[in-house]
Amino acid sequence: MNALIHENAKQIAKEAYIYAFPMLMDYRFAFASFLMPDLQDVNVTNFARA
């Protein structure tokens, strides 16, 4: 019974990840592009020079 619950939870988590990941990446893009445009000037090379 415990193994069945574990497998069911694992399947639900996999399906949730497949469903939600593209939506979260779209939100991340929209947030960075439209809601906080000044964040685009900050990148990894700016931190390396500091």
PDB file of N, CA and C in Angstrom:
ATOM      1  N   MET A   1       0.827  -1.197   0.000  1.00  0.00           N
ATOM      2  CA  MET A   1       0.000   0.000   0.000  1.00  0.00           C
ATOM      3  C   MET A   1       0.868   1.257   0.000  1.00  0.00           C
ATOM      4  N   ASN A   2       1.920   1.297   0.822  1.00  0.00           N
ATOM      5  CA  ASN A   2       2.797   2.461   0.909  1.00  0.00           C
ATOM      6  C   ASN A   2       3.520   2.693  -0.419  1.00  0.00           C
ATOM      7  N   ALA A   3       3.940   1.616  -1.087  1.00  0.00           N
ATOM      8  CA  ALA A   3       4.612   1.746  -2.381  1.00  0.00           C
ATOM      9  C   ALA A   3       3.657   2.299  -3.431  1.00  0.00           C
ATOM     10  N   LEU A   4       2.393   1.911  -3.336  1.00  0.00           N
ATOM     11  CA  LEU A   4       1.392   2.414  -4.278  1.00  0.00           C
ATOM     12  C   LEU A   4       1.182   3.912  -4.092  1.00  0.00           C
ATOM     13  N   ILE A   5       1.134   4.357  -2.855  1.00  0.00           N
ATOM     14  CA  ILE A   5       0.980   5.792  -2.569  1.00  0.00           C
ATOM     15  C   ILE A   5       2.201   6.557  -3.068  1.00  0.00           C
ATOM     16  N   HIS A   6       3.383   5.992  -2.848  1.00  0.00           N
ATOM     17  CA  HIS A   6       4.618   6.638  -3.304  1.00  0.00           C
ATOM     18  C   HIS A   6       4.635   6.775  -4.827  1.00  0.00           C
ATOM     19  N   GLU A   7       4.277   5.715  -5.539  1.00  0.00           N
ATOM     20  CA  GLU A   7       4.258   5.766  -7.003  1.00  0.00           C
ATOM     21  C   GLU A   7       3.207   6.749  -7.507  1.00  0.00           C
ATOM     22  N   ASN A   8       2.050   6.794  -6.840  1.00  0.00           N
ATOM     23  CA  ASN A   8       0.997   7.722  -7.234  1.00  0.00           C
ATOM     24  C   ASN A   8       1.463   9.172  -7.023  1.00  0.00           C
ATOM     25  N   ALA A   9       2.095   9.448  -5.898  1.00  0.00           N
ATOM     26  CA  ALA A   9       2.602  10.793  -5.620  1.00  0.00           C
ATOM     27  C   ALA A   9       3.693  11.171  -6.617  1.00  0.00           C
ATOM     28  N   LYS A  10       4.538  10.212  -6.962  1.00  0.00           N
ATOM     29  CA  LYS A  10       5.610  10.465  -7.934  1.00  0.00           C
ATOM     30  C   LYS A  10       5.022  10.811  -9.311  1.00  0.00           C
ATOM     31  N   GLN A  11       3.991  10.100  -9.726  1.00  0.00           N
ATOM     32  CA  GLN A  11       3.347  10.366 -11.014  1.00  0.00           C
ATOM     33  C   GLN A  11       2.664  11.734 -11.014  1.00  0.00           C
ATOM     34  N   ILE A  12       1.989  12.070  -9.932  1.00  0.00           N
ATOM     35  CA  ILE A  12       1.323  13.380  -9.830  1.00  0.00           C
ATOM     36  C   ILE A  12       2.344  14.501  -9.879  1.00  0.00           C
ATOM     37  N   ALA A  13       3.473  14.344  -9.189  1.00  0.00           N
ATOM     38  CA  ALA A  13       4.521  15.365  -9.193  1.00  0.00           C
ATOM     39  C   ALA A  13       5.105  15.544 -10.588  1.00  0.00           C
ATOM     40  N   LYS A  14       5.302  14.451 -11.301  1.00  0.00           N
ATOM     41  CA  LYS A  14       5.844  14.529 -12.662  1.00  0.00           C
ATOM     42  C   LYS A  14       4.886  15.266 -13.583  1.00  0.00           C
ATOM     43  N   GLU A  15       3.597  14.933 -13.497  1.00  0.00           N
ATOM     44  CA  GLU A  15       2.600  15.597 -14.341  1.00  0.00           C
ATOM     45  C   GLU A  15       2.467  17.076 -13.980  1.00  0.00           C
ATOM     46  N   ALA A  16       2.550  17.404 -12.702  1.00  0.00           N
ATOM     47  CA  ALA A  16       2.466  18.804 -12.273  1.00  0.00           C
ATOM     48  C   ALA A  16       3.656  19.596 -12.797  1.00  0.00           C
ATOM     49  N   TYR A  17       4.838  18.997 -12.773  1.00  0.00           N
ATOM     50  CA  TYR A  17       6.040  19.665 -13.293  1.00  0.00           C
ATOM     51  C   TYR A  17       5.915  19.914 -14.792  1.00  0.00           C
ATOM     52  N   ILE A  18       5.458  18.902 -15.529  1.00  0.00           N
ATOM     53  CA  ILE A  18       5.295  19.045 -16.979  1.00  0.00           C
ATOM     54  C   ILE A  18       4.264  20.121 -17.290  1.00  0.00           C
ATOM     55  N   TYR A  19       3.209  20.208 -16.500  1.00  0.00           N
ATOM     56  CA  TYR A  19       2.157  21.190 -16.725  1.00  0.00           C
ATOM     57  C   TYR A  19       2.618  22.599 -16.345  1.00  0.00           C
ATOM     58  N   ALA A  20       3.277  22.733 -15.204  1.00  0.00           N
ATOM     59  CA  ALA A  20       3.551  24.057 -14.650  1.00  0.00           C
ATOM     60  C   ALA A  20       4.841  24.692 -15.155  1.00  0.00           C
ATOM     61  N   PHE A  21       5.825  23.924 -15.554  1.00  0.00           N
ATOM     62  CA  PHE A  21       7.122  24.486 -15.923  1.00  0.00           C
ATOM     63  C   PHE A  21       7.028  25.517 -17.048  1.00  0.00           C
ATOM     64  N   PRO A  22       6.369  25.222 -18.179  1.00  0.00           N
ATOM     65  CA  PRO A  22       6.284  26.251 -19.235  1.00  0.00           C
ATOM     66  C   PRO A  22       5.551  27.512 -18.778  1.00  0.00           C
ATOM     67  N   MET A  23       4.528  27.340 -17.957  1.00  0.00           N
ATOM     68  CA  MET A  23       3.787  28.495 -17.462  1.00  0.00           C
ATOM     69  C   MET A  23       4.681  29.356 -16.566  1.00  0.00           C
ATOM     70  N   LEU A  24       5.476  28.735 -15.721  1.00  0.00           N
ATOM     71  CA  LEU A  24       6.377  29.490 -14.853  1.00  0.00           C
ATOM     72  C   LEU A  24       7.472  30.192 -15.644  1.00  0.00           C
ATOM     73  N   MET A  25       7.976  29.566 -16.690  1.00  0.00           N
ATOM     74  CA  MET A  25       9.000  30.203 -17.515  1.00  0.00           C
ATOM     75  C   MET A  25       8.415  31.390 -18.276  1.00  0.00           C
ATOM     76  N   ASP A  26       7.166  31.278 -18.735  1.00  0.00           N
ATOM     77  CA  ASP A  26       6.508  32.412 -19.382  1.00  0.00           C
ATOM     78  C   ASP A  26       6.333  33.563 -18.407  1.00  0.00           C
ATOM     79  N   TYR A  27       5.948  33.247 -17.173  1.00  0.00           N
ATOM     80  CA  TYR A  27       5.800  34.291 -16.163  1.00  0.00           C
ATOM     81  C   TYR A  27       7.136  34.955 -15.878  1.00  0.00           C
ATOM     82  N   ARG A  28       8.177  34.161 -15.792  1.00  0.00           N
ATOM     83  CA  ARG A  28       9.518  34.703 -15.549  1.00  0.00           C
ATOM     84  C   ARG A  28       9.924  35.661 -16.667  1.00  0.00           C
ATOM     85  N   PHE A  29       9.659  35.273 -17.913  1.00  0.00           N
ATOM     86  CA  PHE A  29       9.988  36.128 -19.047  1.00  0.00           C
ATOM     87  C   PHE A  29       9.185  37.422 -19.006  1.00  0.00           C
ATOM     88  N   ALA A  30       7.873  37.299 -18.745  1.00  0.00           N
ATOM     89  CA  ALA A  30       7.022  38.488 -18.702  1.00  0.00           C
ATOM     90  C   ALA A  30       7.445  39.411 -17.571  1.00  0.00           C
ATOM     91  N   PHE A  31       7.757  38.856 -16.426  1.00  0.00           N
ATOM     92  CA  PHE A  31       8.174  39.663 -15.283  1.00  0.00           C
ATOM     93  C   PHE A  31       9.460  40.407 -15.604  1.00  0.00           C
ATOM     94  N   ALA A  32      10.420  39.699 -16.171  1.00  0.00           N
ATOM     95  CA  ALA A  32      11.708  40.324 -16.470  1.00  0.00           C
ATOM     96  C   ALA A  32      11.596  41.339 -17.600  1.00  0.00           C
ATOM     97  N   SER A  33      10.717  41.091 -18.556  1.00  0.00           N
ATOM     98  CA  SER A  33      10.639  41.967 -19.727  1.00  0.00           C
ATOM     99  C   SER A  33       9.743  43.173 -19.524  1.00  0.00           C
ATOM    100  N   PHE A  34       8.606  42.968 -18.883  1.00  0.00           N
ATOM    101  CA  PHE A  34       7.603  44.025 -18.854  1.00  0.00           C
ATOM    102  C   PHE A  34       7.407  44.652 -17.479  1.00  0.00           C
ATOM    103  N   LEU A  35       7.486  43.856 -16.447  1.00  0.00           N
ATOM    104  CA  LEU A  35       7.192  44.385 -15.118  1.00  0.00           C
ATOM    105  C   LEU A  35       8.413  45.011 -14.455  1.00  0.00           C
ATOM    106  N   MET A  36       9.599  44.481 -14.749  1.00  0.00           N
ATOM    107  CA  MET A  36      10.832  45.003 -14.154  1.00  0.00           C
ATOM    108  C   MET A  36      11.894  45.140 -15.250  1.00  0.00           C
ATOM    109  N   PRO A  37      11.720  46.049 -16.191  1.00  0.00           N
ATOM    110  CA  PRO A  37      12.663  46.133 -17.310  1.00  0.00           C
ATOM    111  C   PRO A  37      14.084  46.517 -16.893  1.00  0.00           C
ATOM    112  N   ASP A  38      14.263  47.203 -15.750  1.00  0.00           N
ATOM    113  CA  ASP A  38      15.620  47.578 -15.346  1.00  0.00           C
ATOM    114  C   ASP A  38      16.445  46.356 -14.935  1.00  0.00           C
ATOM    115  N   LEU A  39      15.817  45.223 -14.677  1.00  0.00           N
ATOM    116  CA  LEU A  39      16.566  44.029 -14.305  1.00  0.00           C
ATOM    117  C   LEU A  39      17.327  43.444 -15.481  1.00  0.00           C
ATOM    118  N   GLN A  40      16.975  43.803 -16.708  1.00  0.00           N
ATOM    119  CA  GLN A  40      17.656  43.254 -17.875  1.00  0.00           C
ATOM    120  C   GLN A  40      19.102  43.733 -17.956  1.00  0.00           C
ATOM    121  N   ASP A  41      19.402  44.865 -17.341  1.00  0.00           N
ATOM    122  CA  ASP A  41      20.768  45.381 -17.381  1.00  0.00           C
ATOM    123  C   ASP A  41      21.711  44.600 -16.468  1.00  0.00           C
ATOM    124  N   VAL A  42      21.159  43.841 -15.554  1.00  0.00           N
ATOM    125  CA  VAL A  42      21.974  43.067 -14.619  1.00  0.00           C
ATOM    126  C   VAL A  42      22.168  41.671 -15.181  1.00  0.00           C
ATOM    127  N   ASN A  43      23.415  41.281 -15.357  1.00  0.00           N
ATOM    128  CA  ASN A  43      23.705  39.925 -15.798  1.00  0.00           C
ATOM    129  C   ASN A  43      24.918  39.393 -15.051  1.00  0.00           C
ATOM    130  N   VAL A  44      25.335  38.215 -15.379  1.00  0.00           N
ATOM    131  CA  VAL A  44      26.409  37.542 -14.631  1.00  0.00           C
ATOM    132  C   VAL A  44      27.731  38.295 -14.793  1.00  0.00           C
ATOM    133  N   THR A  45      27.992  38.858 -15.965  1.00  0.00           N
ATOM    134  CA  THR A  45      29.271  39.534 -16.159  1.00  0.00           C
ATOM    135  C   THR A  45      29.381  40.787 -15.299  1.00  0.00           C
ATOM    136  N   ASN A  46      28.253  41.437 -15.029  1.00  0.00           N
ATOM    137  CA  ASN A  46      28.289  42.605 -14.137  1.00  0.00           C
ATOM    138  C   ASN A  46      28.721  42.202 -12.737  1.00  0.00           C
ATOM    139  N   PHE A  47      28.290  41.036 -12.278  1.00  0.00           N
ATOM    140  CA  PHE A  47      28.690  40.566 -10.958  1.00  0.00           C
ATOM    141  C   PHE A  47      30.149  40.161 -10.955  1.00  0.00           C
ATOM    142  N   ALA A  48      30.647  39.634 -12.060  1.00  0.00           N
ATOM    143  CA  ALA A  48      32.039  39.183 -12.106  1.00  0.00           C
ATOM    144  C   ALA A  48      32.977  40.376 -12.027  1.00  0.00           C
ATOM    145  N   ARG A  49      32.587  41.536 -12.549  1.00  0.00           N
ATOM    146  CA  ARG A  49      33.435  42.724 -12.535  1.00  0.00           C
ATOM    147  C   ARG A  49      33.420  43.458 -11.208  1.00  0.00           C
ATOM    148  N   ALA A  50      32.442  43.165 -10.389  1.00  0.00           N
ATOM    149  CA  ALA A  50      32.298  43.910  -9.113  1.00  0.00           C
ATOM    150  C   ALA A  50      33.361  43.539  -8.114  1.00  0.00           C
TER     151      ALA A  50
END
